[in-house]
PDB file of N, CA and C in Angstrom:
ATOM      1  N   MET A   1     201.068   6.405  82.206  1.00  0.00           N
ATOM      2  CA  MET A   1     201.854   5.447  81.258  1.00  0.00           C
ATOM      3  C   MET A   1     201.606   5.385  80.007  1.00  0.00           C
ATOM      4  N   ARG A   2     200.618   5.339  79.698  1.00  0.00           N
ATOM      5  CA  ARG A   2     200.016   5.187  78.201  1.00  0.00           C
ATOM      6  C   ARG A   2     200.851   6.480  76.966  1.00  0.00           C
ATOM      7  N   TYR A   3     200.789   7.456  77.779  1.00  0.00           N
ATOM      8  CA  TYR A   3     201.485   8.593  77.011  1.00  0.00           C
ATOM      9  C   TYR A   3     203.076   8.310  76.940  1.00  0.00           C
ATOM     10  N   LYS A   4     203.508   7.988  78.139  1.00  0.00           N
ATOM     11  CA  LYS A   4     205.224   7.728  77.872  1.00  0.00           C
ATOM     12  C   LYS A   4     205.170   6.421  76.959  1.00  0.00           C
ATOM     13  N   LEU A   5     204.667   5.485  77.038  1.00  0.00           N
ATOM     14  CA  LEU A   5     204.941   4.307  75.931  1.00  0.00           C
ATOM     15  C   LEU A   5     204.710   4.891  74.626  1.00  0.00           C
ATOM     16  N   THR A   6     203.686   6.106  74.482  1.00  0.00           N
ATOM     17  CA  THR A   6     203.427   6.199  73.024  1.00  0.00           C
ATOM     18  C   THR A   6     204.348   7.188  72.588  1.00  0.00           C
ATOM     19  N   PHE A   7     204.921   8.011  73.518  1.00  0.00           N
ATOM     20  CA  PHE A   7     206.289   8.980  73.202  1.00  0.00           C
ATOM     21  C   PHE A   7     207.360   7.990  72.984  1.00  0.00           C
ATOM     22  N   ALA A   8     207.438   6.964  73.666  1.00  0.00           N
ATOM     23  CA  ALA A   8     208.753   6.048  73.412  1.00  0.00           C
ATOM     24  C   ALA A   8     208.833   5.365  72.011  1.00  0.00           C
ATOM     25  N   VAL A   9     207.562   5.074  71.757  1.00  0.00           N
ATOM     26  CA  VAL A   9     207.281   4.327  70.308  1.00  0.00           C
ATOM     27  C   VAL A   9     207.561   5.420  69.351  1.00  0.00           C
ATOM     28  N   GLY A  10     207.069   6.709  69.429  1.00  0.00           N
ATOM     29  CA  GLY A  10     207.220   7.561  68.279  1.00  0.00           C
ATOM     30  C   GLY A  10     208.698   7.896  68.209  1.00  0.00           C
ATOM     31  N   LEU A  11     209.393   7.925  69.333  1.00  0.00           N
ATOM     32  CA  LEU A  11     210.908   8.191  69.302  1.00  0.00           C
ATOM     33  C   LEU A  11     211.547   7.348  68.710  1.00  0.00           C
ATOM     34  N   ALA A  12     211.342   5.998  69.043  1.00  0.00           N
ATOM     35  CA  ALA A  12     211.854   4.805  68.327  1.00  0.00           C
ATOM     36  C   ALA A  12     211.818   4.856  66.993  1.00  0.00           C
ATOM     37  N   LEU A  13     210.502   5.191  66.550  1.00  0.00           N
ATOM     38  CA  LEU A  13     210.182   4.887  64.867  1.00  0.00           C
ATOM     39  C   LEU A  13     210.613   6.065  64.478  1.00  0.00           C
ATOM     40  N   GLY A  14     210.578   7.315  64.774  1.00  0.00           N
ATOM     41  CA  GLY A  14     211.529   8.562  64.168  1.00  0.00           C
ATOM     42  C   GLY A  14     212.676   8.374  64.232  1.00  0.00           C
ATOM     43  N   TYR A  15     213.163   7.656  65.088  1.00  0.00           N
ATOM     44  CA  TYR A  15     214.769   7.616  64.783  1.00  0.00           C
ATOM     45  C   TYR A  15     215.236   6.542  63.690  1.00  0.00           C
ATOM     46  N   VAL A  16     214.369   5.427  63.816  1.00  0.00           N
ATOM     47  CA  VAL A  16     214.548   4.421  62.580  1.00  0.00           C
ATOM     48  C   VAL A  16     214.388   5.072  61.335  1.00  0.00           C
ATOM     49  N   LEU A  17     213.182   5.742  61.037  1.00  0.00           N
ATOM     50  CA  LEU A  17     213.064   6.350  59.747  1.00  0.00           C
ATOM     51  C   LEU A  17     213.909   7.346  59.519  1.00  0.00           C
ATOM     52  N   GLY A  18     214.305   7.768  60.458  1.00  0.00           N
ATOM     53  CA  GLY A  18     215.617   9.021  60.205  1.00  0.00           C
ATOM     54  C   GLY A  18     216.890   8.619  59.726  1.00  0.00           C
ATOM     55  N   THR A  19     216.990   7.559  60.339  1.00  0.00           N
ATOM     56  CA  THR A  19     218.328   6.677  59.915  1.00  0.00           C
ATOM     57  C   THR A  19     218.363   6.101  58.703  1.00  0.00           C
ATOM     58  N   ARG A  20     217.358   5.572  58.356  1.00  0.00           N
ATOM     59  CA  ARG A  20     217.030   5.146  57.041  1.00  0.00           C
ATOM     60  C   ARG A  20     216.880   6.225  55.737  1.00  0.00           C
ATOM     61  N   ALA A  21     216.413   7.143  56.157  1.00  0.00           N
ATOM     62  CA  ALA A  21     216.335   8.285  55.285  1.00  0.00           C
ATOM     63  C   ALA A  21     217.413   9.014  55.201  1.00  0.00           C
ATOM     64  N   GLY A  22     218.224   8.962  55.556  1.00  0.00           N
ATOM     65  CA  GLY A  22     219.866   9.418  55.191  1.00  0.00           C
ATOM     66  C   GLY A  22     219.591  10.840  55.547  1.00  0.00           C
ATOM     67  N   ARG A  23     220.747  11.707  55.169  1.00  0.00           N
ATOM     68  CA  ARG A  23     221.165  12.890  55.513  1.00  0.00           C
ATOM     69  C   ARG A  23     220.506  13.870  54.518  1.00  0.00           C
ATOM     70  N   GLU A  24     220.192  13.827  53.404  1.00  0.00           N
ATOM     71  CA  GLU A  24     219.795  14.360  52.260  1.00  0.00           C
ATOM     72  C   GLU A  24     218.310  14.642  52.670  1.00  0.00           C
ATOM     73  N   GLN A  25     217.602  13.637  52.998  1.00  0.00           N
ATOM     74  CA  GLN A  25     216.028  13.389  53.389  1.00  0.00           C
ATOM     75  C   GLN A  25     216.061  14.531  54.669  1.00  0.00           C
ATOM     76  N   TYR A  26     216.816  14.553  55.370  1.00  0.00           N
ATOM     77  CA  TYR A  26     216.796  15.215  56.648  1.00  0.00           C
ATOM     78  C   TYR A  26     216.929  16.618  56.288  1.00  0.00           C
ATOM     79  N   GLU A  27     218.080  17.156  55.289  1.00  0.00           N
ATOM     80  CA  GLU A  27     218.150  18.458  54.964  1.00  0.00           C
ATOM     81  C   GLU A  27     216.863  18.888  54.171  1.00  0.00           C
ATOM     82  N   LYS A  28     216.361  18.142  53.470  1.00  0.00           N
ATOM     83  CA  LYS A  28     214.889  18.459  53.061  1.00  0.00           C
ATOM     84  C   LYS A  28     213.923  18.836  53.883  1.00  0.00           C
ATOM     85  N   MET A  29     213.648  17.990  54.761  1.00  0.00           N
ATOM     86  CA  MET A  29     212.637  17.988  55.981  1.00  0.00           C
ATOM     87  C   MET A  29     212.736  19.398  56.712  1.00  0.00           C
ATOM     88  N   LYS A  30     214.353  19.553  56.961  1.00  0.00           N
ATOM     89  CA  LYS A  30     214.689  20.804  57.811  1.00  0.00           C
ATOM     90  C   LYS A  30     214.345  22.012  56.956  1.00  0.00           C
ATOM     91  N   LYS A  31     214.372  22.131  55.596  1.00  0.00           N
ATOM     92  CA  LYS A  31     214.272  23.245  54.817  1.00  0.00           C
ATOM     93  C   LYS A  31     212.662  23.384  55.052  1.00  0.00           C
ATOM     94  N   SER A  32     212.187  22.295  54.659  1.00  0.00           N
ATOM     95  CA  SER A  32     210.509  22.484  54.658  1.00  0.00           C
ATOM     96  C   SER A  32     210.096  23.100  56.095  1.00  0.00           C
ATOM     97  N   VAL A  33     210.451  22.660  57.253  1.00  0.00           N
ATOM     98  CA  VAL A  33     210.072  23.057  58.342  1.00  0.00           C
ATOM     99  C   VAL A  33     210.366  24.562  58.430  1.00  0.00           C
ATOM    100  N   ARG A  34     211.683  24.996  57.931  1.00  0.00           N
ATOM    101  CA  ARG A  34     211.900  26.461  58.298  1.00  0.00           C
ATOM    102  C   ARG A  34     211.166  27.256  57.338  1.00  0.00           C
ATOM    103  N   GLU A  35     210.692  26.805  56.180  1.00  0.00           N
ATOM    104  CA  GLU A  35     209.992  27.529  55.168  1.00  0.00           C
ATOM    105  C   GLU A  35     208.488  27.860  55.655  1.00  0.00           C
ATOM    106  N   PHE A  36     208.146  26.610  56.302  1.00  0.00           N
ATOM    107  CA  PHE A  36     206.759  26.753  56.869  1.00  0.00           C
ATOM    108  C   PHE A  36     206.634  27.592  58.110  1.00  0.00           C
ATOM    109  N   SER A  37     207.909  27.684  58.964  1.00  0.00           N
ATOM    110  CA  SER A  37     207.563  28.441  60.058  1.00  0.00           C
ATOM    111  C   SER A  37     207.981  29.918  59.756  1.00  0.00           C
ATOM    112  N   GLN A  38     208.637  30.289  58.760  1.00  0.00           N
ATOM    113  CA  GLN A  38     208.730  31.394  58.484  1.00  0.00           C
ATOM    114  C   GLN A  38     207.793  32.127  57.628  1.00  0.00           C
ATOM    115  N   ASN A  39     206.525  31.424  57.169  1.00  0.00           N
ATOM    116  CA  ASN A  39     205.336  31.950  56.751  1.00  0.00           C
ATOM    117  C   ASN A  39     204.592  32.513  57.464  1.00  0.00           C
ATOM    118  N   PRO A  40     204.330  34.136  56.741  1.00  0.00           N
ATOM    119  CA  PRO A  40     203.571  35.187  57.366  1.00  0.00           C
ATOM    120  C   PRO A  40     202.276  34.566  58.215  1.00  0.00           C
ATOM    121  N   ALA A  41     201.518  33.801  57.482  1.00  0.00           N
ATOM    122  CA  ALA A  41     200.354  33.364  57.943  1.00  0.00           C
ATOM    123  C   ALA A  41     200.430  32.588  59.258  1.00  0.00           C
ATOM    124  N   VAL A  42     201.589  31.611  58.912  1.00  0.00           N
ATOM    125  CA  VAL A  42     201.870  30.549  60.307  1.00  0.00           C
ATOM    126  C   VAL A  42     202.312  31.563  61.378  1.00  0.00           C
ATOM    127  N   ARG A  43     203.312  32.523  61.191  1.00  0.00           N
ATOM    128  CA  ARG A  43     203.824  33.302  62.322  1.00  0.00           C
ATOM    129  C   ARG A  43     202.727  34.258  62.876  1.00  0.00           C
ATOM    130  N   ASN A  44     201.814  34.694  62.105  1.00  0.00           N
ATOM    131  CA  ASN A  44     200.600  35.307  62.697  1.00  0.00           C
ATOM    132  C   ASN A  44     199.653  34.516  63.705  1.00  0.00           C
ATOM    133  N   ALA A  45     199.481  33.352  62.957  1.00  0.00           N
ATOM    134  CA  ALA A  45     198.471  32.280  63.775  1.00  0.00           C
ATOM    135  C   ALA A  45     199.228  31.789  64.910  1.00  0.00           C
ATOM    136  N   ALA A  46     200.374  31.830  65.136  1.00  0.00           N
ATOM    137  CA  ALA A  46     201.272  31.355  66.279  1.00  0.00           C
ATOM    138  C   ALA A  46     201.354  32.530  67.219  1.00  0.00           C
ATOM    139  N   GLU A  47     201.410  33.775  66.786  1.00  0.00           N
ATOM    140  CA  GLU A  47     201.338  34.931  67.505  1.00  0.00           C
ATOM    141  C   GLU A  47     199.927  35.302  68.109  1.00  0.00           C
ATOM    142  N   SER A  48     198.829  35.140  67.569  1.00  0.00           N
ATOM    143  CA  SER A  48     197.599  35.037  67.907  1.00  0.00           C
ATOM    144  C   SER A  48     197.020  34.281  69.039  1.00  0.00           C
ATOM    145  N   ALA A  49     197.780  32.739  68.772  1.00  0.00           N
ATOM    146  CA  ALA A  49     197.649  31.694  69.635  1.00  0.00           C
ATOM    147  C   ALA A  49     198.188  31.927  71.228  1.00  0.00           C
ATOM    148  N   ALA A  50     199.381  32.721  70.768  1.00  0.00           N
ATOM    149  CA  ALA A  50     200.357  33.259  71.878  1.00  0.00           C
ATOM    150  C   ALA A  50     199.532  34.153  72.758  1.00  0.00           C
ATOM    151  N   GLN A  51     199.124  35.218  71.984  1.00  0.00           N
ATOM    152  CA  GLN A  51     198.302  36.245  72.691  1.00  0.00           C
ATOM    153  C   GLN A  51     197.118  35.849  73.549  1.00  0.00           C
ATOM    154  N   GLY A  52     196.489  34.929  72.932  1.00  0.00           N
ATOM    155  CA  GLY A  52     195.093  34.477  73.537  1.00  0.00           C
ATOM    156  C   GLY A  52     195.430  33.534  74.782  1.00  0.00           C
ATOM    157  N   GLY A  53     196.599  32.816  74.964  1.00  0.00           N
ATOM    158  CA  GLY A  53     197.162  32.001  76.039  1.00  0.00           C
ATOM    159  C   GLY A  53     197.413  33.072  76.896  1.00  0.00           C
ATOM    160  N   ARG A  54     198.076  34.155  76.466  1.00  0.00           N
ATOM    161  CA  ARG A  54     198.687  35.118  77.661  1.00  0.00           C
ATOM    162  C   ARG A  54     197.327  35.788  78.301  1.00  0.00           C
ATOM    163  N   GLU A  55     196.347  35.962  77.497  1.00  0.00           N
ATOM    164  CA  GLU A  55     195.156  36.705  78.087  1.00  0.00           C
ATOM    165  C   GLU A  55     194.365  35.512  78.966  1.00  0.00           C
ATOM    166  N   ALA A  56     194.145  34.519  78.602  1.00  0.00           N
ATOM    167  CA  ALA A  56     193.750  33.444  79.098  1.00  0.00           C
ATOM    168  C   ALA A  56     194.278  33.367  80.917  1.00  0.00           C
ATOM    169  N   ALA A  57     195.590  33.169  80.510  1.00  0.00           N
ATOM    170  CA  ALA A  57     196.511  33.168  81.886  1.00  0.00           C
ATOM    171  C   ALA A  57     196.334  34.132  82.726  1.00  0.00           C
ATOM    172  N   GLY A  58     195.942  35.560  82.079  1.00  0.00           N
ATOM    173  CA  GLY A  58     195.780  36.770  83.018  1.00  0.00           C
ATOM    174  C   GLY A  58     194.420  36.472  83.776  1.00  0.00           C
ATOM    175  N   ARG A  59     193.489  35.908  82.806  1.00  0.00           N
ATOM    176  CA  ARG A  59     192.110  35.909  83.537  1.00  0.00           C
ATOM    177  C   ARG A  59     191.984  34.747  84.662  1.00  0.00           C
ATOM    178  N   ALA A  60     192.901  33.530  84.617  1.00  0.00           N
ATOM    179  CA  ALA A  60     192.894  32.506  85.448  1.00  0.00           C
ATOM    180  C   ALA A  60     193.699  32.995  86.577  1.00  0.00           C
ATOM    181  N   PHE A  61     194.764  33.970  86.319  1.00  0.00           N
ATOM    182  CA  PHE A  61     195.245  34.572  87.565  1.00  0.00           C
ATOM    183  C   PHE A  61     194.233  35.292  88.459  1.00  0.00           C
ATOM    184  N   HIS A  62     193.672  35.926  88.001  1.00  0.00           N
ATOM    185  CA  HIS A  62     192.841  36.784  88.657  1.00  0.00           C
ATOM    186  C   HIS A  62     191.766  36.240  89.507  1.00  0.00           C
ATOM    187  N   VAL A  63     191.194  34.867  88.684  1.00  0.00           N
ATOM    188  CA  VAL A  63     190.242  33.898  89.302  1.00  0.00           C
ATOM    189  C   VAL A  63     190.763  33.426  90.622  1.00  0.00           C
ATOM    190  N   VAL A  64     192.022  32.852  90.072  1.00  0.00           N
ATOM    191  CA  VAL A  64     192.479  31.859  91.272  1.00  0.00           C
ATOM    192  C   VAL A  64     193.005  33.127  92.499  1.00  0.00           C
ATOM    193  N   SER A  65     193.361  34.093  92.032  1.00  0.00           N
ATOM    194  CA  SER A  65     193.855  34.953  93.283  1.00  0.00           C
ATOM    195  C   SER A  65     192.748  35.542  94.031  1.00  0.00           C
ATOM    196  N   ASP A  66     191.292  35.530  93.404  1.00  0.00           N
ATOM    197  CA  ASP A  66     190.527  35.976  94.285  1.00  0.00           C
ATOM    198  C   ASP A  66     189.888  34.529  95.099  1.00  0.00           C
ATOM    199  N   ARG A  67     189.999  33.612  94.773  1.00  0.00           N
ATOM    200  CA  ARG A  67     189.517  32.421  95.453  1.00  0.00           C
ATOM    201  C   ARG A  67     190.643  32.011  96.430  1.00  0.00           C
ATOM    202  N   VAL A  68     191.882  32.161  96.081  1.00  0.00           N
ATOM    203  CA  VAL A  68     192.923  31.550  97.377  1.00  0.00           C
ATOM    204  C   VAL A  68     193.182  32.639  98.237  1.00  0.00           C
ATOM    205  N   GLY A  69     193.096  34.093  97.771  1.00  0.00           N
ATOM    206  CA  GLY A  69     193.213  34.975  98.792  1.00  0.00           C
ATOM    207  C   GLY A  69     194.425  34.974  99.705  1.00  0.00           C
ATOM    208  N   ASP A  70     194.121  34.959 100.944  1.00  0.00           N
ATOM    209  CA  ASP A  70     195.288  35.279 101.868  1.00  0.00           C
ATOM    210  C   ASP A  70     195.876  33.645 102.240  1.00  0.00           C
ATOM    211  N   ARG A  71     195.226  32.675 101.606  1.00  0.00           N
ATOM    212  CA  ARG A  71     195.802  31.269 102.189  1.00  0.00           C
ATOM    213  C   ARG A  71     197.050  31.015 101.590  1.00  0.00           C
ATOM    214  N   VAL A  72     197.664  31.809 100.749  1.00  0.00           N
ATOM    215  CA  VAL A  72     199.287  31.296 100.321  1.00  0.00           C
ATOM    216  C   VAL A  72     200.182  31.890 101.058  1.00  0.00           C
ATOM    217  N   PRO A  73     200.860  31.000 101.539  1.00  0.00           N
ATOM    218  CA  PRO A  73     202.151  31.271 102.440  1.00  0.00           C
ATOM    219  C   PRO A  73     202.894  32.551 101.948  1.00  0.00           C
ATOM    220  N   SER A  74     203.574  32.934 102.767  1.00  0.00           N
ATOM    221  CA  SER A  74     204.095  34.371 102.506  1.00  0.00           C
ATOM    222  C   SER A  74     205.573  34.216 101.501  1.00  0.00           C
ATOM    223  N   SER A  75     206.061  33.389 101.846  1.00  0.00           N
ATOM    224  CA  SER A  75     207.135  32.897 100.779  1.00  0.00           C
ATOM    225  C   SER A  75     207.098  32.845  99.750  1.00  0.00           C
ATOM    226  N   VAL A  76     205.757  31.921  99.310  1.00  0.00           N
ATOM    227  CA  VAL A  76     205.400  31.951  98.019  1.00  0.00           C
ATOM    228  C   VAL A  76     204.865  33.429  97.545  1.00  0.00           C
ATOM    229  N   ALA A  77     203.998  34.012  97.986  1.00  0.00           N
ATOM    230  CA  ALA A  77     203.535  35.435  97.817  1.00  0.00           C
ATOM    231  C   ALA A  77     204.666  36.196  97.614  1.00  0.00           C
ATOM    232  N   ASP A  78     205.830  36.392  98.218  1.00  0.00           N
ATOM    233  CA  ASP A  78     207.024  37.010  98.072  1.00  0.00           C
ATOM    234  C   ASP A  78     207.786  36.755  96.743  1.00  0.00           C
ATOM    235  N   ARG A  79     207.877  35.383  96.302  1.00  0.00           N
ATOM    236  CA  ARG A  79     208.380  34.969  95.454  1.00  0.00           C
ATOM    237  C   ARG A  79     207.819  35.444  93.902  1.00  0.00           C
ATOM    238  N   VAL A  80     206.535  35.219  93.860  1.00  0.00           N
ATOM    239  CA  VAL A  80     205.571  35.717  92.866  1.00  0.00           C
ATOM    240  C   VAL A  80     205.866  37.327  92.662  1.00  0.00           C
ATOM    241  N   ARG A  81     205.675  37.889  94.038  1.00  0.00           N
ATOM    242  CA  ARG A  81     205.713  39.319  93.622  1.00  0.00           C
ATOM    243  C   ARG A  81     207.082  39.764  92.963  1.00  0.00           C
ATOM    244  N   SER A  82     208.260  39.061  93.696  1.00  0.00           N
ATOM    245  CA  SER A  82     209.459  39.463  92.921  1.00  0.00           C
ATOM    246  C   SER A  82     209.802  38.977  91.580  1.00  0.00           C
ATOM    247  N   LEU A  83     209.337  37.956  91.166  1.00  0.00           N
ATOM    248  CA  LEU A  83     209.221  37.329  89.662  1.00  0.00           C
ATOM    249  C   LEU A  83     208.466  38.563  88.664  1.00  0.00           C
ATOM    250  N   ARG A  84     207.206  39.066  89.271  1.00  0.00           N
ATOM    251  CA  ARG A  84     206.296  39.915  88.451  1.00  0.00           C
ATOM    252  C   ARG A  84     207.182  41.179  88.533  1.00  0.00           C
ATOM    253  N   GLU A  85     207.768  41.638  89.716  1.00  0.00           N
ATOM    254  CA  GLU A  85     208.753  42.951  89.526  1.00  0.00           C
ATOM    255  C   GLU A  85     209.737  42.852  88.422  1.00  0.00           C
ATOM    256  N   ARG A  86     210.290  41.760  88.408  1.00  0.00           N
ATOM    257  CA  ARG A  86     211.558  41.571  87.459  1.00  0.00           C
ATOM    258  C   ARG A  86     211.331  41.527  85.959  1.00  0.00           C
ATOM    259  N   GLY A  87     210.060  40.785  86.059  1.00  0.00           N
ATOM    260  CA  GLY A  87     209.320  40.746  84.277  1.00  0.00           C
ATOM    261  C   GLY A  87     208.817  41.812  83.866  1.00  0.00           C
ATOM    262  N   GLN A  88     208.666  42.887  84.558  1.00  0.00           N
ATOM    263  CA  GLN A  88     207.773  44.011  83.981  1.00  0.00           C
ATOM    264  C   GLN A  88     208.272  44.471  82.987  1.00  0.00           C
ATOM    265  N   GLY A  89     209.596  45.058  82.925  1.00  0.00           N
ATOM    266  CA  GLY A  89     210.298  45.881  82.060  1.00  0.00           C
ATOM    267  C   GLY A  89     210.772  44.984  80.696  1.00  0.00           C
ATOM    268  N   ASP A  90     210.606  43.570  80.845  1.00  0.00           N
ATOM    269  CA  ASP A  90     211.414  42.841  79.863  1.00  0.00           C
ATOM    270  C   ASP A  90     210.324  42.805  78.731  1.00  0.00           C
ATOM    271  N   ALA A  91     210.970  42.704  77.249  1.00  0.00           N
ATOM    272  CA  ALA A  91     210.209  42.368  76.357  1.00  0.00           C
ATOM    273  C   ALA A  91     210.033  41.055  76.075  1.00  0.00           C
ATOM    274  N   GLU A  92     210.669  40.274  76.713  1.00  0.00           N
ATOM    275  CA  GLU A  92     211.060  38.764  76.429  1.00  0.00           C
ATOM    276  C   GLU A  92     210.622  38.213  77.431  1.00  0.00           C
ATOM    277  N   ASP A  93     209.807  36.983  77.437  1.00  0.00           N
ATOM    278  CA  ASP A  93     209.333  36.175  78.773  1.00  0.00           C
ATOM    279  C   ASP A  93     210.528  35.005  79.011  1.00  0.00           C
ATOM    280  N   ASP A  94     210.725  34.432  80.133  1.00  0.00           N
ATOM    281  CA  ASP A  94     211.805  33.294  79.979  1.00  0.00           C
ATOM    282  C   ASP A  94     211.778  31.972  78.862  1.00  0.00           C
ATOM    283  N   TRP A  95     210.705  32.005  78.165  1.00  0.00           N
ATOM    284  CA  TRP A  95     210.885  31.061  77.087  1.00  0.00           C
ATOM    285  C   TRP A  95     211.185  31.716  76.109  1.00  0.00           C
ATOM    286  N   GLY A  96     211.843  32.771  75.804  1.00  0.00           N
ATOM    287  CA  GLY A  96     212.468  33.432  74.662  1.00  0.00           C
ATOM    288  C   GLY A  96     211.463  33.780  73.622  1.00  0.00           C
ATOM    289  N   THR A  97     209.993  33.885  73.776  1.00  0.00           N
ATOM    290  CA  THR A  97     208.964  34.534  73.112  1.00  0.00           C
ATOM    291  C   THR A  97     209.142  35.983  73.446  1.00  0.00           C
ATOM    292  N   SER A  98     208.535  36.826  72.244  1.00  0.00           N
ATOM    293  CA  SER A  98     208.382  38.106  72.366  1.00  0.00           C
ATOM    294  C   SER A  98     206.828  38.165  72.780  1.00  0.00           C
ATOM    295  N   ASN A  99     206.948  39.501  73.530  1.00  0.00           N
ATOM    296  CA  ASN A  99     205.589  39.918  74.194  1.00  0.00           C
ATOM    297  C   ASN A  99     204.938  40.609  72.923  1.00  0.00           C
ATOM    298  N   THR A 100     205.357  40.934  71.664  1.00  0.00           N
ATOM    299  CA  THR A 100     204.672  41.873  70.845  1.00  0.00           C
ATOM    300  C   THR A 100     203.937  41.349  69.824  1.00  0.00           C
TER     301      THR A 100
END
C-alpha cells in the first residue's frame, strides 16, 4: 500500500509540475533524456546490466530446475518448452531488447 501511495503522489506531483512548466520545458527535458540515453557509456552500462541479468536468470533457472524437478505439472513444462523453442532463433526477446 505504501508503494502505491508513493507512486500516486509522485504521479500527481509530476503532472502538476509538468503542466506548470509548459511545452518548452518538456521539449528541453525530452532532448536531455534522449542525449543521455544515446551516450555510449550509458548504453554500455545498460547492456552490461542486461547481460548480467540474463546470466543471473540462467543460473537461477538451473537452481530452480534442480530443486523443483518433476513436481512441475506437465502442462506448465510443455508451455515452457514451447516458449524456449520459439525463442531460440530470435535476436530479440519479447521486451524488444536485443541480446547482443
